[in-house]
C-alpha atoms as a PDB file:
ATOM      1  CA  UNK A   1      12.672 -10.642 -44.132  1.00  0.00           C
ATOM      2  CA  UNK A   2      12.642 -11.034 -40.366  1.00  0.00           C
ATOM      3  CA  UNK A   3       9.358 -11.880 -38.762  1.00  0.00           C
ATOM      4  CA  UNK A   4       8.315  -9.301 -36.184  1.00  0.00           C
ATOM      5  CA  UNK A   5       5.860  -9.674 -33.362  1.00  0.00           C
ATOM      6  CA  UNK A   6       2.258 -10.323 -34.209  1.00  0.00           C
ATOM      7  CA  UNK A   7       0.268  -7.124 -34.823  1.00  0.00           C
ATOM      8  CA  UNK A   8      -0.973  -5.764 -31.522  1.00  0.00           C
ATOM      9  CA  UNK A   9       1.218  -8.019 -29.350  1.00  0.00           C
ATOM     10  CA  UNK A  10       3.946  -5.428 -28.896  1.00  0.00           C
ATOM     11  CA  UNK A  11       1.349  -2.778 -28.035  1.00  0.00           C
ATOM     12  CA  UNK A  12      -0.367  -5.110 -25.542  1.00  0.00           C
ATOM     13  CA  UNK A  13       2.972  -5.849 -23.884  1.00  0.00           C
ATOM     14  CA  UNK A  14       3.715  -2.139 -23.616  1.00  0.00           C
ATOM     15  CA  UNK A  15       0.288  -1.485 -22.069  1.00  0.00           C
ATOM     16  CA  UNK A  16       0.806  -4.315 -19.594  1.00  0.00           C
ATOM     17  CA  UNK A  17       4.170  -2.902 -18.496  1.00  0.00           C
ATOM     18  CA  UNK A  18       2.613   0.555 -18.133  1.00  0.00           C
ATOM     19  CA  UNK A  19      -0.204  -0.954 -16.044  1.00  0.00           C
ATOM     20  CA  UNK A  20       2.436  -2.550 -13.813  1.00  0.00           C
ATOM     21  CA  UNK A  21       4.069   0.864 -13.360  1.00  0.00           C
ATOM     22  CA  UNK A  22       0.708   2.468 -12.498  1.00  0.00           C
ATOM     23  CA  UNK A  23       0.061  -0.274  -9.958  1.00  0.00           C
ATOM     24  CA  UNK A  24       3.482   0.336  -8.409  1.00  0.00           C
ATOM     25  CA  UNK A  25       2.650   4.028  -8.096  1.00  0.00           C
ATOM     26  CA  UNK A  26      -0.684   3.097  -6.476  1.00  0.00           C
ATOM     27  CA  UNK A  27       1.240   1.162  -3.815  1.00  0.00           C
ATOM     28  CA  UNK A  28       3.314   4.330  -3.269  1.00  0.00           C
ATOM     29  CA  UNK A  29       0.162   6.480  -2.983  1.00  0.00           C
ATOM     30  CA  UNK A  30      -1.224   4.094  -0.401  1.00  0.00           C
ATOM     31  CA  UNK A  31       2.022   4.235   1.550  1.00  0.00           C
ATOM     32  CA  UNK A  32       2.171   8.029   1.423  1.00  0.00           C
ATOM     33  CA  UNK A  33      -1.465   8.223   2.528  1.00  0.00           C
ATOM     34  CA  UNK A  34      -0.666   6.016   5.516  1.00  0.00           C
ATOM     35  CA  UNK A  35       2.242   8.361   6.354  1.00  0.00           C
ATOM     36  CA  UNK A  36      -0.093  11.364   6.212  1.00  0.00           C
ATOM     37  CA  UNK A  37      -2.571   9.612   8.484  1.00  0.00           C
ATOM     38  CA  UNK A  38       0.269   8.729  10.860  1.00  0.00           C
ATOM     39  CA  UNK A  39       1.210  12.400  11.184  1.00  0.00           C
ATOM     40  CA  UNK A  40      -2.422  13.396  11.675  1.00  0.00           C
ATOM     41  CA  UNK A  41      -3.192  10.740  14.255  1.00  0.00           C
ATOM     42  CA  UNK A  42       0.182  10.707  15.996  1.00  0.00           C
ATOM     43  CA  UNK A  43       1.016  14.410  16.034  1.00  0.00           C
ATOM     44  CA  UNK A  44      -2.012  16.587  15.293  1.00  0.00           C
ATOM     45  CA  UNK A  45      -4.795  14.784  17.161  1.00  0.00           C
ATOM     46  CA  UNK A  46      -2.932  14.751  20.508  1.00  0.00           C
ATOM     47  CA  UNK A  47      -2.679  18.535  20.250  1.00  0.00           C
ATOM     48  CA  UNK A  48      -6.447  18.933  20.135  1.00  0.00           C
ATOM     49  CA  UNK A  49      -7.564  15.998  22.275  1.00  0.00           C
ATOM     50  CA  UNK A  50      -8.356  16.234  25.947  1.00  0.00           C
ATOM     51  CA  UNK A  51      -7.120  12.743  26.830  1.00  0.00           C
ATOM     52  CA  UNK A  52      -3.756  11.089  26.948  1.00  0.00           C
ATOM     53  CA  UNK A  53      -1.389  11.393  24.000  1.00  0.00           C
ATOM     54  CA  UNK A  54       0.173   7.916  23.996  1.00  0.00           C
ATOM     55  CA  UNK A  55      -2.681   6.022  22.260  1.00  0.00           C
ATOM     56  CA  UNK A  56      -2.529   8.432  19.328  1.00  0.00           C
ATOM     57  CA  UNK A  57       1.261   8.285  19.170  1.00  0.00           C
ATOM     58  CA  UNK A  58       1.129   4.469  19.084  1.00  0.00           C
ATOM     59  CA  UNK A  59      -1.523   4.597  16.366  1.00  0.00           C
ATOM     60  CA  UNK A  60       0.586   7.084  14.414  1.00  0.00           C
ATOM     61  CA  UNK A  61       3.595   4.770  14.553  1.00  0.00           C
ATOM     62  CA  UNK A  62       1.434   1.831  13.440  1.00  0.00           C
ATOM     63  CA  UNK A  63       0.067   3.788  10.471  1.00  0.00           C
ATOM     64  CA  UNK A  64       3.647   4.730   9.522  1.00  0.00           C
ATOM     65  CA  UNK A  65       4.662   1.054   9.658  1.00  0.00           C
ATOM     66  CA  UNK A  66       1.767   0.180   7.366  1.00  0.00           C
ATOM     67  CA  UNK A  67       2.972   2.923   5.016  1.00  0.00           C
ATOM     68  CA  UNK A  68       6.440   1.405   4.982  1.00  0.00           C
ATOM     69  CA  UNK A  69       4.916  -1.993   4.280  1.00  0.00           C
ATOM     70  CA  UNK A  70       2.937  -0.638   1.330  1.00  0.00           C
ATOM     71  CA  UNK A  71       5.997   0.942  -0.258  1.00  0.00           C
ATOM     72  CA  UNK A  72       8.206  -2.102   0.333  1.00  0.00           C
ATOM     73  CA  UNK A  73       5.594  -4.595  -0.810  1.00  0.00           C
ATOM     74  CA  UNK A  74       4.800  -2.420  -3.814  1.00  0.00           C
ATOM     75  CA  UNK A  75       8.402  -2.634  -4.928  1.00  0.00           C
ATOM     76  CA  UNK A  76       8.493  -6.398  -4.445  1.00  0.00           C
ATOM     77  CA  UNK A  77       5.239  -6.772  -6.399  1.00  0.00           C
ATOM     78  CA  UNK A  78       6.584  -4.542  -9.185  1.00  0.00           C
ATOM     79  CA  UNK A  79       9.711  -6.692  -9.487  1.00  0.00           C
ATOM     80  CA  UNK A  80       7.747  -9.963  -9.364  1.00  0.00           C
ATOM     81  CA  UNK A  81       5.311  -8.774 -12.012  1.00  0.00           C
ATOM     82  CA  UNK A  82       8.101  -7.485 -14.255  1.00  0.00           C
ATOM     83  CA  UNK A  83       9.869 -10.858 -14.026  1.00  0.00           C
ATOM     84  CA  UNK A  84       6.636 -12.733 -14.686  1.00  0.00           C
ATOM     85  CA  UNK A  85       5.892 -10.612 -17.743  1.00  0.00           C
ATOM     86  CA  UNK A  86       9.379 -11.291 -19.108  1.00  0.00           C
ATOM     87  CA  UNK A  87       8.620 -15.018 -18.824  1.00  0.00           C
ATOM     88  CA  UNK A  88       5.189 -14.678 -20.406  1.00  0.00           C
ATOM     89  CA  UNK A  89       3.202 -15.450 -17.275  1.00  0.00           C
ATOM     90  CA  UNK A  90       1.209 -13.462 -14.741  1.00  0.00           C
ATOM     91  CA  UNK A  91       1.960 -12.704 -11.116  1.00  0.00           C
ATOM     92  CA  UNK A  92      -0.918 -12.593  -8.696  1.00  0.00           C
ATOM     93  CA  UNK A  93      -0.986 -11.021  -5.254  1.00  0.00           C
ATOM     94  CA  UNK A  94      -1.082 -13.822  -2.726  1.00  0.00           C
ATOM     95  CA  UNK A  95      -4.343 -14.161  -0.864  1.00  0.00           C
ATOM     96  CA  UNK A  96      -2.417 -14.420   2.409  1.00  0.00           C
ATOM     97  CA  UNK A  97      -0.680 -11.061   1.833  1.00  0.00           C
ATOM     98  CA  UNK A  98      -3.978  -9.432   0.871  1.00  0.00           C
ATOM     99  CA  UNK A  99      -5.566 -10.843   4.039  1.00  0.00           C
ATOM    100  CA  UNK A 100      -2.713  -9.497   6.223  1.00  0.00           C
ATOM    101  CA  UNK A 101      -3.010  -6.031   4.698  1.00  0.00           C
ATOM    102  CA  UNK A 102      -6.773  -6.071   5.166  1.00  0.00           C
ATOM    103  CA  UNK A 103      -6.416  -7.250   8.768  1.00  0.00           C
ATOM    104  CA  UNK A 104      -3.904  -4.477   9.497  1.00  0.00           C
ATOM    105  CA  UNK A 105      -6.253  -1.876   8.040  1.00  0.00           C
ATOM    106  CA  UNK A 106      -9.266  -3.173   9.970  1.00  0.00           C
ATOM    107  CA  UNK A 107      -7.266  -3.395  13.209  1.00  0.00           C
ATOM    108  CA  UNK A 108      -5.982   0.171  12.823  1.00  0.00           C
ATOM    109  CA  UNK A 109      -9.465   1.441  12.015  1.00  0.00           C
ATOM    110  CA  UNK A 110     -10.960  -0.250  15.074  1.00  0.00           C
ATOM    111  CA  UNK A 111      -8.131   1.001  17.310  1.00  0.00           C
ATOM    112  CA  UNK A 112      -8.610   4.537  15.985  1.00  0.00           C
ATOM    113  CA  UNK A 113     -12.355   4.414  16.649  1.00  0.00           C
ATOM    114  CA  UNK A 114     -11.749   3.196  20.203  1.00  0.00           C
ATOM    115  CA  UNK A 115      -9.071   5.819  20.852  1.00  0.00           C
ATOM    116  CA  UNK A 116     -11.432   8.574  19.690  1.00  0.00           C
ATOM    117  CA  UNK A 117     -14.445   7.148  21.539  1.00  0.00           C
ATOM    118  CA  UNK A 118     -12.543   6.747  24.805  1.00  0.00           C
ATOM    119  CA  UNK A 119     -10.914  10.184  24.626  1.00  0.00           C
ATOM    120  CA  UNK A 120     -12.540  12.396  27.238  1.00  0.00           C
END
């Protein structure tokens, strides 16, 4: 009689893989949200603002680039986590990458606030 996996181990592995898939989809949602913001800031706001269009267009492009980064990094994280799980280890998001993403978000938020505040 062949020995199978310990009770609960197979189920835990399945749940972990499903969690990895949900996390990958969360990266996609973040990327798609950044794309939506890029359209709003870069295309819609200039149509209703009284100032110059170029700051909003630049911000829109920057938000789109962040969206691309989220989708690309999400895929890389998904692959790294899948490989780590196959080897029985975990894969953590690097603190440096998390800091860069946070810095990009803060910089875009500050730039958006300034663009809105200086629009007259």
